[in-house]
Amino acid sequence: MNWITEKFKRFKPKLKNLFRVKVGPEGKLWENCSCGSVLYKQDLKDNLYVCPTCSKHHRINPAERFQLLFDEGKFEEIFPMLPIDDPLNFRDSKTYRNRLMTAREETKYHDSVRLARGKVNEVELVTGAMDFNFIGGSVGRAAGEAFITGADYAFANKLPYVFFSQSGGMRMQESMYSLMQMPRMISSIKSLKENQIPFISVCLDPTTGGVTASFALLGDINIAEPKALIAFAGARVIKETVREELPEEFQTAEYLRDKGQIDLVVERKNLPKVISSLILKLTNTNKTFQSDLGIVNEQQPSPISTITQAAS
């Protein structure tokens, strides 16, 4: 039987290639989903980058996020001040400067946070979004400065601030310079709240580490996309620490919603409607009080439950 085995070894690679779905140059034609589906990229884009089979919300970059969020895809980008690169001259397997250069070539942007101003269902707001493709969406001095610039712009123009988090945490190549961004970002949120300017946080997959520990769960309303991983430490680390089995849906958006850390889990297609509705509620814009209409009802539904029902 040795000759059969030898023949099989020779033909096995050809058989595998015969049944393998061909992917275009640099993966531009097809996209693999974790459920096993192979999706034509244009179809995936038409479905807002959501898998039609398992409803997984695939990661998108900030430019694509802004196109989906703002009315007719129109927005004005806001450019923050850029601090100097690599204040510590950090090096591991390669220099931090080289990592930044590679990330900038791949993403076509300076750092992991982008800012924009525009209208969502005619509601004007300022928004920021993180790019996970830029060194895992990590937060260093430039990303922290961008977040604060967005908050300052919202404060100066009295506009709501909406931020989309998608990050592995703080950027350790910048050490304490990175960790110092956490209290700075929290302080900028506090300034918005003291002046009654809405801050809405939207957690995407994944939102972890110091981002979760600082600003990602400090919104007036905290929203998440379905099945998004939201955590500080990983499930394996927690399991080994507490020495107990963890729930199956542990650290998912739905689990945190049930535990009270997330207010709403909203599908991507409904985010513009929900965000604009929440801002109108938070700012009392176009609000008619029932007492003015002579209507009295002691068991009115909460604004959040009303918006959730409308979006579903």
C-alpha atoms as a PDB file:
ATOM      1  CA  MET A   1       0.000   0.000   0.000  1.00  0.00           C
ATOM      2  CA  ASN A   2       3.025   2.300   0.089  1.00  0.00           C
ATOM      3  CA  TRP A   3       2.606   3.308  -3.567  1.00  0.00           C
ATOM      4  CA  ILE A   4      -0.993   4.421  -2.829  1.00  0.00           C
ATOM      5  CA  THR A   5       0.208   6.516   0.125  1.00  0.00           C
ATOM      6  CA  GLU A   6       2.904   8.119  -1.998  1.00  0.00           C
ATOM      7  CA  LYS A   7       0.438   8.921  -4.778  1.00  0.00           C
ATOM      8  CA  PHE A   8      -1.997  10.454  -2.248  1.00  0.00           C
ATOM      9  CA  LYS A   9       0.750  12.665  -0.845  1.00  0.00           C
ATOM     10  CA  ARG A  10       1.504  13.941  -4.331  1.00  0.00           C
ATOM     11  CA  PHE A  11      -2.116  14.664  -5.241  1.00  0.00           C
ATOM     12  CA  LYS A  12      -3.350  15.921  -1.825  1.00  0.00           C
ATOM     13  CA  PRO A  13      -2.267  19.556  -2.348  1.00  0.00           C
ATOM     14  CA  LYS A  14      -3.960  19.611  -5.758  1.00  0.00           C
ATOM     15  CA  LEU A  15      -7.192  18.216  -4.311  1.00  0.00           C
ATOM     16  CA  LYS A  16      -7.195  20.840  -1.565  1.00  0.00           C
ATOM     17  CA  ASN A  17      -6.704  23.622  -4.097  1.00  0.00           C
ATOM     18  CA  LEU A  18      -9.523  22.211  -6.211  1.00  0.00           C
ATOM     19  CA  PHE A  19     -12.080  22.688  -3.428  1.00  0.00           C
ATOM     20  CA  ARG A  20     -10.643  25.839  -1.895  1.00  0.00           C
ATOM     21  CA  VAL A  21     -12.546  29.054  -2.629  1.00  0.00           C
ATOM     22  CA  LYS A  22     -10.296  31.359  -4.570  1.00  0.00           C
ATOM     23  CA  VAL A  23      -9.642  34.711  -2.928  1.00  0.00           C
ATOM     24  CA  GLY A  24      -8.787  37.730  -5.027  1.00  0.00           C
ATOM     25  CA  PRO A  25      -5.562  39.754  -4.771  1.00  0.00           C
ATOM     26  CA  GLU A  26      -4.954  40.772  -1.150  1.00  0.00           C
ATOM     27  CA  GLY A  27      -8.346  39.314  -0.222  1.00  0.00           C
ATOM     28  CA  LYS A  28     -10.279  42.058  -2.008  1.00  0.00           C
ATOM     29  CA  LEU A  29     -12.980  39.872  -3.529  1.00  0.00           C
ATOM     30  CA  TRP A  30     -13.982  37.534  -0.711  1.00  0.00           C
ATOM     31  CA  GLU A  31     -14.134  37.614   3.064  1.00  0.00           C
ATOM     32  CA  ASN A  32     -14.173  34.663   5.443  1.00  0.00           C
ATOM     33  CA  CYS A  33     -16.530  34.782   8.421  1.00  0.00           C
ATOM     34  CA  SER A  34     -15.923  32.961  11.703  1.00  0.00           C
ATOM     35  CA  CYS A  35     -19.121  30.961  11.104  1.00  0.00           C
ATOM     36  CA  GLY A  36     -17.491  29.348   8.065  1.00  0.00           C
ATOM     37  CA  SER A  37     -19.297  31.369   5.412  1.00  0.00           C
ATOM     38  CA  VAL A  38     -17.322  32.788   2.495  1.00  0.00           C
ATOM     39  CA  LEU A  39     -18.806  36.168   1.614  1.00  0.00           C
ATOM     40  CA  TYR A  40     -18.450  38.231  -1.527  1.00  0.00           C
ATOM     41  CA  LYS A  41     -17.062  41.537  -0.293  1.00  0.00           C
ATOM     42  CA  GLN A  42     -19.465  43.712  -2.233  1.00  0.00           C
ATOM     43  CA  ASP A  43     -22.419  41.779  -0.770  1.00  0.00           C
ATOM     44  CA  LEU A  44     -20.901  42.148   2.692  1.00  0.00           C
ATOM     45  CA  LYS A  45     -20.492  45.894   2.151  1.00  0.00           C
ATOM     46  CA  ASP A  46     -24.090  46.209   0.951  1.00  0.00           C
ATOM     47  CA  ASN A  47     -25.174  44.493   4.189  1.00  0.00           C
ATOM     48  CA  LEU A  48     -23.220  47.051   6.267  1.00  0.00           C
ATOM     49  CA  TYR A  49     -20.400  44.536   6.810  1.00  0.00           C
ATOM     50  CA  VAL A  50     -22.704  42.194   8.756  1.00  0.00           C
ATOM     51  CA  CYS A  51     -22.650  38.484   7.938  1.00  0.00           C
ATOM     52  CA  PRO A  52     -26.093  37.437   6.572  1.00  0.00           C
ATOM     53  CA  THR A  53     -25.607  33.917   7.947  1.00  0.00           C
ATOM     54  CA  CYS A  54     -24.621  34.480  11.585  1.00  0.00           C
ATOM     55  CA  SER A  55     -25.145  38.288  11.927  1.00  0.00           C
ATOM     56  CA  LYS A  56     -21.545  38.811  13.001  1.00  0.00           C
ATOM     57  CA  HIS A  57     -20.631  42.503  12.823  1.00  0.00           C
ATOM     58  CA  HIS A  58     -17.298  42.584  10.994  1.00  0.00           C
ATOM     59  CA  ARG A  59     -14.764  45.244  11.868  1.00  0.00           C
ATOM     60  CA  ILE A  60     -14.735  48.385   9.767  1.00  0.00           C
ATOM     61  CA  ASN A  61     -12.359  51.328   9.751  1.00  0.00           C
ATOM     62  CA  PRO A  62     -13.329  54.858  10.886  1.00  0.00           C
ATOM     63  CA  ALA A  63     -13.854  56.154   7.336  1.00  0.00           C
ATOM     64  CA  GLU A  64     -16.347  53.347   6.639  1.00  0.00           C
ATOM     65  CA  ARG A  65     -17.975  53.983  10.032  1.00  0.00           C
ATOM     66  CA  PHE A  66     -18.494  57.664   9.219  1.00  0.00           C
ATOM     67  CA  GLN A  67     -19.937  56.805   5.801  1.00  0.00           C
ATOM     68  CA  LEU A  68     -22.547  54.554   7.434  1.00  0.00           C
ATOM     69  CA  LEU A  69     -23.330  56.927  10.314  1.00  0.00           C
ATOM     70  CA  PHE A  70     -23.703  60.376   8.786  1.00  0.00           C
ATOM     71  CA  ASP A  71     -26.528  61.528   6.542  1.00  0.00           C
ATOM     72  CA  GLU A  72     -25.635  60.758   2.907  1.00  0.00           C
ATOM     73  CA  GLY A  73     -22.130  59.865   4.104  1.00  0.00           C
ATOM     74  CA  LYS A  74     -21.190  63.561   4.365  1.00  0.00           C
ATOM     75  CA  PHE A  75     -18.928  64.740   7.185  1.00  0.00           C
ATOM     76  CA  GLU A  76     -16.184  67.215   8.002  1.00  0.00           C
ATOM     77  CA  GLU A  77     -13.038  65.682   9.452  1.00  0.00           C
ATOM     78  CA  ILE A  78     -11.441  67.236  12.532  1.00  0.00           C
ATOM     79  CA  PHE A  79      -7.653  67.088  12.795  1.00  0.00           C
ATOM     80  CA  PRO A  80      -6.060  67.029  16.265  1.00  0.00           C
ATOM     81  CA  MET A  81      -2.648  68.318  17.272  1.00  0.00           C
ATOM     82  CA  LEU A  82       0.040  65.688  16.643  1.00  0.00           C
ATOM     83  CA  PRO A  83       2.585  65.028  19.418  1.00  0.00           C
ATOM     84  CA  ILE A  84       6.083  63.782  18.606  1.00  0.00           C
ATOM     85  CA  ASP A  85       6.524  60.081  17.888  1.00  0.00           C
ATOM     86  CA  ASP A  86       8.329  57.599  20.125  1.00  0.00           C
ATOM     87  CA  PRO A  87       9.199  59.769  23.161  1.00  0.00           C
ATOM     88  CA  LEU A  88      11.067  56.829  24.780  1.00  0.00           C
ATOM     89  CA  ASN A  89      12.953  55.552  21.705  1.00  0.00           C
ATOM     90  CA  PHE A  90      11.328  52.188  22.436  1.00  0.00           C
ATOM     91  CA  ARG A  91      12.489  48.985  20.803  1.00  0.00           C
ATOM     92  CA  ASP A  92      11.433  45.325  21.155  1.00  0.00           C
ATOM     93  CA  SER A  93      11.725  42.949  18.184  1.00  0.00           C
ATOM     94  CA  LYS A  94      11.764  46.110  16.052  1.00  0.00           C
ATOM     95  CA  THR A  95      11.654  49.821  16.759  1.00  0.00           C
ATOM     96  CA  TYR A  96       8.432  51.567  17.684  1.00  0.00           C
ATOM     97  CA  ARG A  97       9.069  54.083  14.879  1.00  0.00           C
ATOM     98  CA  ASN A  98       9.020  51.237  12.358  1.00  0.00           C
ATOM     99  CA  ARG A  99       5.775  49.902  13.811  1.00  0.00           C
ATOM    100  CA  LEU A 100       4.196  53.342  13.449  1.00  0.00           C
ATOM    101  CA  MET A 101       5.463  53.659   9.895  1.00  0.00           C
ATOM    102  CA  THR A 102       4.024  50.256   8.945  1.00  0.00           C
ATOM    103  CA  ALA A 103       0.658  50.999  10.572  1.00  0.00           C
ATOM    104  CA  ARG A 104       0.433  54.363   8.785  1.00  0.00           C
ATOM    105  CA  GLU A 105       1.177  52.769   5.425  1.00  0.00           C
ATOM    106  CA  GLU A 106      -1.506  50.117   5.973  1.00  0.00           C
ATOM    107  CA  THR A 107      -4.261  52.386   7.326  1.00  0.00           C
ATOM    108  CA  LYS A 108      -3.386  55.610   5.456  1.00  0.00           C
ATOM    109  CA  TYR A 109      -3.842  57.559   8.682  1.00  0.00           C
ATOM    110  CA  HIS A 110      -1.562  59.044  11.336  1.00  0.00           C
ATOM    111  CA  ASP A 111      -2.870  57.149  14.376  1.00  0.00           C
ATOM    112  CA  SER A 112      -5.693  54.988  15.738  1.00  0.00           C
ATOM    113  CA  VAL A 113      -8.373  57.683  16.330  1.00  0.00           C
ATOM    114  CA  ARG A 114     -10.175  59.761  13.718  1.00  0.00           C
ATOM    115  CA  LEU A 115     -12.654  62.585  14.360  1.00  0.00           C
ATOM    116  CA  ALA A 116     -15.511  64.007  12.325  1.00  0.00           C
ATOM    117  CA  ARG A 117     -18.419  66.414  12.518  1.00  0.00           C
ATOM    118  CA  GLY A 118     -21.690  65.917  10.682  1.00  0.00           C
ATOM    119  CA  LYS A 119     -25.411  65.263  10.914  1.00  0.00           C
ATOM    120  CA  VAL A 120     -27.181  62.037  11.848  1.00  0.00           C
ATOM    121  CA  ASN A 121     -30.877  62.214  10.975  1.00  0.00           C
ATOM    122  CA  GLU A 122     -30.444  66.021  10.941  1.00  0.00           C
ATOM    123  CA  VAL A 123     -28.942  65.955  14.464  1.00  0.00           C
ATOM    124  CA  GLU A 124     -25.511  67.603  14.396  1.00  0.00           C
ATOM    125  CA  LEU A 125     -22.795  65.955  16.478  1.00  0.00           C
ATOM    126  CA  VAL A 126     -19.086  65.280  16.858  1.00  0.00           C
ATOM    127  CA  THR A 127     -17.872  61.717  16.677  1.00  0.00           C
ATOM    128  CA  GLY A 128     -14.634  59.785  17.041  1.00  0.00           C
ATOM    129  CA  ALA A 129     -13.815  56.246  15.986  1.00  0.00           C
ATOM    130  CA  MET A 130     -10.899  53.896  16.592  1.00  0.00           C
ATOM    131  CA  ASP A 131      -9.150  51.791  13.948  1.00  0.00           C
ATOM    132  CA  PHE A 132      -8.247  48.328  15.252  1.00  0.00           C
ATOM    133  CA  ASN A 133      -5.906  47.854  12.283  1.00  0.00           C
ATOM    134  CA  PHE A 134      -3.632  50.559  13.701  1.00  0.00           C
ATOM    135  CA  ILE A 135      -1.574  48.623  16.279  1.00  0.00           C
ATOM    136  CA  GLY A 136      -4.702  47.015  17.705  1.00  0.00           C
ATOM    137  CA  GLY A 137      -6.479  50.350  18.147  1.00  0.00           C
ATOM    138  CA  SER A 138      -4.181  51.045  21.081  1.00  0.00           C
ATOM    139  CA  VAL A 139      -4.155  54.437  22.799  1.00  0.00           C
ATOM    140  CA  GLY A 140      -0.963  56.428  22.937  1.00  0.00           C
ATOM    141  CA  ARG A 141      -0.301  60.151  23.144  1.00  0.00           C
ATOM    142  CA  ALA A 142      -1.686  60.863  19.660  1.00  0.00           C
ATOM    143  CA  ALA A 143      -4.884  58.851  20.211  1.00  0.00           C
ATOM    144  CA  GLY A 144      -5.426  60.404  23.637  1.00  0.00           C
ATOM    145  CA  GLU A 145      -4.915  63.873  22.195  1.00  0.00           C
ATOM    146  CA  ALA A 146      -7.421  63.093  19.438  1.00  0.00           C
ATOM    147  CA  PHE A 147     -10.072  61.962  21.927  1.00  0.00           C
ATOM    148  CA  ILE A 148      -9.586  65.127  23.991  1.00  0.00           C
ATOM    149  CA  THR A 149      -9.645  67.300  20.853  1.00  0.00           C
ATOM    150  CA  GLY A 150     -13.023  65.800  19.978  1.00  0.00           C
ATOM    151  CA  ALA A 151     -14.334  66.519  23.481  1.00  0.00           C
ATOM    152  CA  ASP A 152     -12.987  70.091  23.397  1.00  0.00           C
ATOM    153  CA  TYR A 153     -14.553  70.663  19.965  1.00  0.00           C
ATOM    154  CA  ALA A 154     -17.899  69.352  21.237  1.00  0.00           C
ATOM    155  CA  PHE A 155     -17.598  71.589  24.316  1.00  0.00           C
ATOM    156  CA  ALA A 156     -16.741  74.709  22.303  1.00  0.00           C
ATOM    157  CA  ASN A 157     -19.574  74.182  19.822  1.00  0.00           C
ATOM    158  CA  LYS A 158     -22.119  72.778  22.322  1.00  0.00           C
ATOM    159  CA  LEU A 159     -22.508  69.589  20.280  1.00  0.00           C
ATOM    160  CA  PRO A 160     -23.065  66.014  21.505  1.00  0.00           C
ATOM    161  CA  TYR A 161     -19.977  63.774  21.478  1.00  0.00           C
ATOM    162  CA  VAL A 162     -20.293  60.172  20.261  1.00  0.00           C
ATOM    163  CA  PHE A 163     -17.270  57.888  20.428  1.00  0.00           C
ATOM    164  CA  PHE A 164     -16.820  54.402  18.918  1.00  0.00           C
ATOM    165  CA  SER A 165     -14.320  52.329  20.891  1.00  0.00           C
ATOM    166  CA  GLN A 166     -12.481  49.383  19.362  1.00  0.00           C
ATOM    167  CA  SER A 167      -9.190  48.727  21.072  1.00  0.00           C
ATOM    168  CA  GLY A 168      -6.828  46.309  22.731  1.00  0.00           C
ATOM    169  CA  GLY A 169      -6.041  48.895  25.407  1.00  0.00           C
ATOM    170  CA  MET A 170      -3.232  51.337  26.090  1.00  0.00           C
ATOM    171  CA  ARG A 171      -0.099  51.388  23.923  1.00  0.00           C
ATOM    172  CA  MET A 172       2.678  49.944  26.049  1.00  0.00           C
ATOM    173  CA  GLN A 173       5.427  51.153  23.691  1.00  0.00           C
ATOM    174  CA  GLU A 174       4.747  54.562  25.232  1.00  0.00           C
ATOM    175  CA  SER A 175       4.646  53.305  28.841  1.00  0.00           C
ATOM    176  CA  MET A 176       3.502  55.995  31.298  1.00  0.00           C
ATOM    177  CA  TYR A 177       2.861  58.475  28.479  1.00  0.00           C
ATOM    178  CA  SER A 178       0.114  56.116  27.347  1.00  0.00           C
ATOM    179  CA  LEU A 179      -1.341  55.492  30.815  1.00  0.00           C
ATOM    180  CA  MET A 180      -1.441  59.238  31.498  1.00  0.00           C
ATOM    181  CA  GLN A 181      -4.051  59.559  28.738  1.00  0.00           C
ATOM    182  CA  MET A 182      -6.621  57.700  30.870  1.00  0.00           C
ATOM    183  CA  PRO A 183      -7.183  60.456  33.501  1.00  0.00           C
ATOM    184  CA  ARG A 184      -6.922  63.133  30.793  1.00  0.00           C
ATOM    185  CA  MET A 185      -9.710  61.532  28.759  1.00  0.00           C
ATOM    186  CA  ILE A 186     -11.867  60.997  31.857  1.00  0.00           C
ATOM    187  CA  SER A 187     -11.405  64.654  32.795  1.00  0.00           C
ATOM    188  CA  SER A 188     -12.574  65.772  29.341  1.00  0.00           C
ATOM    189  CA  ILE A 189     -15.731  63.654  29.724  1.00  0.00           C
ATOM    190  CA  LYS A 190     -16.350  65.206  33.136  1.00  0.00           C
ATOM    191  CA  SER A 191     -16.237  68.685  31.575  1.00  0.00           C
ATOM    192  CA  LEU A 192     -18.909  67.655  29.066  1.00  0.00           C
ATOM    193  CA  LYS A 193     -21.163  66.242  31.768  1.00  0.00           C
ATOM    194  CA  GLU A 194     -20.789  69.301  33.997  1.00  0.00           C
ATOM    195  CA  ASN A 195     -22.037  71.415  31.100  1.00  0.00           C
ATOM    196  CA  GLN A 196     -24.852  68.999  30.196  1.00  0.00           C
ATOM    197  CA  ILE A 197     -23.366  68.096  26.818  1.00  0.00           C
ATOM    198  CA  PRO A 198     -24.271  64.493  25.966  1.00  0.00           C
ATOM    199  CA  PHE A 199     -21.500  61.900  25.671  1.00  0.00           C
ATOM    200  CA  ILE A 200     -22.554  58.581  24.129  1.00  0.00           C
ATOM    201  CA  SER A 201     -20.117  55.676  24.145  1.00  0.00           C
ATOM    202  CA  VAL A 202     -20.429  52.879  21.581  1.00  0.00           C
ATOM    203  CA  CYS A 203     -18.376  49.742  22.301  1.00  0.00           C
ATOM    204  CA  LEU A 204     -17.361  47.667  19.289  1.00  0.00           C
ATOM    205  CA  ASP A 205     -15.643  44.307  19.048  1.00  0.00           C
ATOM    206  CA  PRO A 206     -13.257  44.275  20.864  1.00  0.00           C
ATOM    207  CA  THR A 207     -13.189  46.956  23.571  1.00  0.00           C
ATOM    208  CA  THR A 208     -10.658  45.892  26.185  1.00  0.00           C
ATOM    209  CA  GLY A 209      -7.906  46.897  28.593  1.00  0.00           C
ATOM    210  CA  GLY A 210      -7.378  50.494  29.645  1.00  0.00           C
ATOM    211  CA  VAL A 211      -9.992  51.783  27.208  1.00  0.00           C
ATOM    212  CA  THR A 212     -12.689  49.841  29.073  1.00  0.00           C
ATOM    213  CA  ALA A 213     -11.123  50.896  32.371  1.00  0.00           C
ATOM    214  CA  SER A 214     -11.265  54.602  31.473  1.00  0.00           C
ATOM    215  CA  PHE A 215     -13.746  56.213  29.090  1.00  0.00           C
ATOM    216  CA  ALA A 216     -15.564  53.407  27.211  1.00  0.00           C
ATOM    217  CA  LEU A 217     -18.156  52.807  29.957  1.00  0.00           C
ATOM    218  CA  LEU A 218     -18.546  56.426  31.106  1.00  0.00           C
ATOM    219  CA  GLY A 219     -21.132  57.536  28.585  1.00  0.00           C
ATOM    220  CA  ASP A 220     -24.453  59.067  29.545  1.00  0.00           C
ATOM    221  CA  ILE A 221     -25.659  56.090  27.519  1.00  0.00           C
ATOM    222  CA  ASN A 222     -23.427  53.084  26.831  1.00  0.00           C
ATOM    223  CA  ILE A 223     -24.218  51.196  23.624  1.00  0.00           C
ATOM    224  CA  ALA A 224     -22.629  48.093  22.089  1.00  0.00           C
ATOM    225  CA  GLU A 225     -22.906  46.189  18.844  1.00  0.00           C
ATOM    226  CA  PRO A 226     -24.167  42.578  19.128  1.00  0.00           C
ATOM    227  CA  LYS A 227     -21.697  39.991  20.450  1.00  0.00           C
ATOM    228  CA  ALA A 228     -18.974  42.601  20.963  1.00  0.00           C
ATOM    229  CA  LEU A 229     -16.210  41.539  23.346  1.00  0.00           C
ATOM    230  CA  ILE A 230     -16.040  44.075  26.182  1.00  0.00           C
ATOM    231  CA  ALA A 231     -13.555  43.384  28.968  1.00  0.00           C
ATOM    232  CA  PHE A 232     -10.629  44.627  30.991  1.00  0.00           C
ATOM    233  CA  ALA A 233      -8.641  41.395  31.415  1.00  0.00           C
ATOM    234  CA  GLY A 234      -9.077  38.324  29.230  1.00  0.00           C
ATOM    235  CA  ALA A 235     -11.393  35.468  30.186  1.00  0.00           C
ATOM    236  CA  ARG A 236      -8.478  33.031  30.558  1.00  0.00           C
ATOM    237  CA  VAL A 237      -6.706  35.304  33.051  1.00  0.00           C
ATOM    238  CA  ILE A 238      -9.899  35.753  35.079  1.00  0.00           C
ATOM    239  CA  LYS A 239     -10.631  32.029  35.038  1.00  0.00           C
ATOM    240  CA  GLU A 240      -7.151  31.202  36.332  1.00  0.00           C
ATOM    241  CA  THR A 241      -7.449  33.894  39.004  1.00  0.00           C
ATOM    242  CA  VAL A 242     -10.875  32.999  40.423  1.00  0.00           C
ATOM    243  CA  ARG A 243     -10.458  29.259  39.650  1.00  0.00           C
ATOM    244  CA  GLU A 244     -14.061  28.907  38.539  1.00  0.00           C
ATOM    245  CA  GLU A 245     -15.848  28.136  35.297  1.00  0.00           C
ATOM    246  CA  LEU A 246     -17.108  31.279  33.596  1.00  0.00           C
ATOM    247  CA  PRO A 247     -20.522  31.670  31.900  1.00  0.00           C
ATOM    248  CA  GLU A 248     -20.614  30.841  28.207  1.00  0.00           C
ATOM    249  CA  GLU A 249     -21.504  34.410  27.148  1.00  0.00           C
ATOM    250  CA  PHE A 250     -19.044  35.975  29.613  1.00  0.00           C
ATOM    251  CA  GLN A 251     -17.753  39.421  28.508  1.00  0.00           C
ATOM    252  CA  THR A 252     -20.114  39.708  25.543  1.00  0.00           C
ATOM    253  CA  ALA A 253     -22.222  42.829  25.025  1.00  0.00           C
ATOM    254  CA  GLU A 254     -25.421  40.934  25.841  1.00  0.00           C
ATOM    255  CA  TYR A 255     -23.973  39.575  29.112  1.00  0.00           C
ATOM    256  CA  LEU A 256     -22.875  43.055  30.225  1.00  0.00           C
ATOM    257  CA  ARG A 257     -26.256  44.482  29.293  1.00  0.00           C
ATOM    258  CA  ASP A 258     -27.959  41.921  31.529  1.00  0.00           C
ATOM    259  CA  LYS A 259     -25.559  42.864  34.349  1.00  0.00           C
ATOM    260  CA  GLY A 260     -26.201  46.603  33.939  1.00  0.00           C
ATOM    261  CA  GLN A 261     -22.871  47.773  32.496  1.00  0.00           C
ATOM    262  CA  ILE A 262     -24.267  48.311  28.986  1.00  0.00           C
ATOM    263  CA  ASP A 263     -27.555  50.120  28.403  1.00  0.00           C
ATOM    264  CA  LEU A 264     -28.342  49.018  24.855  1.00  0.00           C
ATOM    265  CA  VAL A 265     -27.179  46.405  22.368  1.00  0.00           C
ATOM    266  CA  VAL A 266     -27.974  47.803  18.925  1.00  0.00           C
ATOM    267  CA  GLU A 267     -27.453  46.359  15.461  1.00  0.00           C
ATOM    268  CA  ARG A 268     -25.305  48.419  13.133  1.00  0.00           C
ATOM    269  CA  LYS A 269     -28.176  49.292  10.800  1.00  0.00           C
ATOM    270  CA  ASN A 270     -30.106  50.853  13.707  1.00  0.00           C
ATOM    271  CA  LEU A 271     -27.263  52.889  15.234  1.00  0.00           C
ATOM    272  CA  PRO A 272     -27.991  56.193  13.409  1.00  0.00           C
ATOM    273  CA  LYS A 273     -31.661  56.093  14.433  1.00  0.00           C
ATOM    274  CA  VAL A 274     -30.923  55.148  18.042  1.00  0.00           C
ATOM    275  CA  ILE A 275     -28.093  57.667  18.482  1.00  0.00           C
ATOM    276  CA  SER A 276     -30.090  60.575  17.059  1.00  0.00           C
ATOM    277  CA  SER A 277     -33.136  59.629  19.163  1.00  0.00           C
ATOM    278  CA  LEU A 278     -31.051  59.421  22.330  1.00  0.00           C
ATOM    279  CA  ILE A 279     -29.510  62.831  21.706  1.00  0.00           C
ATOM    280  CA  LEU A 280     -32.942  64.375  21.238  1.00  0.00           C
ATOM    281  CA  LYS A 281     -34.025  62.801  24.532  1.00  0.00           C
ATOM    282  CA  LEU A 282     -30.893  63.884  26.401  1.00  0.00           C
ATOM    283  CA  THR A 283     -31.105  67.469  25.154  1.00  0.00           C
ATOM    284  CA  ASN A 284     -34.926  67.740  25.424  1.00  0.00           C
ATOM    285  CA  THR A 285     -34.971  68.861  21.781  1.00  0.00           C
ATOM    286  CA  ASN A 286     -38.419  68.907  20.123  1.00  0.00           C
ATOM    287  CA  LYS A 287     -39.883  67.504  23.330  1.00  0.00           C
ATOM    288  CA  THR A 288     -43.566  67.989  24.114  1.00  0.00           C
ATOM    289  CA  PHE A 289     -44.440  67.422  27.740  1.00  0.00           C
ATOM    290  CA  GLN A 290     -47.544  65.330  28.323  1.00  0.00           C
ATOM    291  CA  SER A 291     -48.651  67.706  31.057  1.00  0.00           C
ATOM    292  CA  ASP A 292     -48.922  70.421  28.393  1.00  0.00           C
ATOM    293  CA  LEU A 293     -51.324  68.178  26.480  1.00  0.00           C
ATOM    294  CA  GLY A 294     -53.440  67.440  29.539  1.00  0.00           C
ATOM    295  CA  ILE A 295     -52.325  63.779  29.573  1.00  0.00           C
ATOM    296  CA  VAL A 296     -51.488  62.102  32.876  1.00  0.00           C
ATOM    297  CA  ASN A 297     -50.049  58.586  32.954  1.00  0.00           C
ATOM    298  CA  GLU A 298     -48.073  57.413  35.960  1.00  0.00           C
ATOM    299  CA  GLN A 299     -46.642  54.337  34.183  1.00  0.00           C
ATOM    300  CA  GLN A 300     -44.809  55.847  31.225  1.00  0.00           C
ATOM    301  CA  PRO A 301     -42.126  53.680  29.577  1.00  0.00           C
ATOM    302  CA  SER A 302     -38.521  54.807  30.001  1.00  0.00           C
ATOM    303  CA  PRO A 303     -36.861  56.618  27.067  1.00  0.00           C
ATOM    304  CA  ILE A 304     -34.356  53.799  26.629  1.00  0.00           C
ATOM    305  CA  SER A 305     -36.998  51.068  26.473  1.00  0.00           C
ATOM    306  CA  THR A 306     -39.018  53.137  23.980  1.00  0.00           C
ATOM    307  CA  ILE A 307     -35.993  53.604  21.719  1.00  0.00           C
ATOM    308  CA  THR A 308     -35.077  49.927  21.995  1.00  0.00           C
ATOM    309  CA  GLN A 309     -38.570  48.869  20.919  1.00  0.00           C
ATOM    310  CA  ALA A 310     -38.490  51.306  18.008  1.00  0.00           C
ATOM    311  CA  ALA A 311     -35.151  49.956  16.813  1.00  0.00           C
ATOM    312  CA  SER A 312     -36.114  46.287  17.056  1.00  0.00           C
END
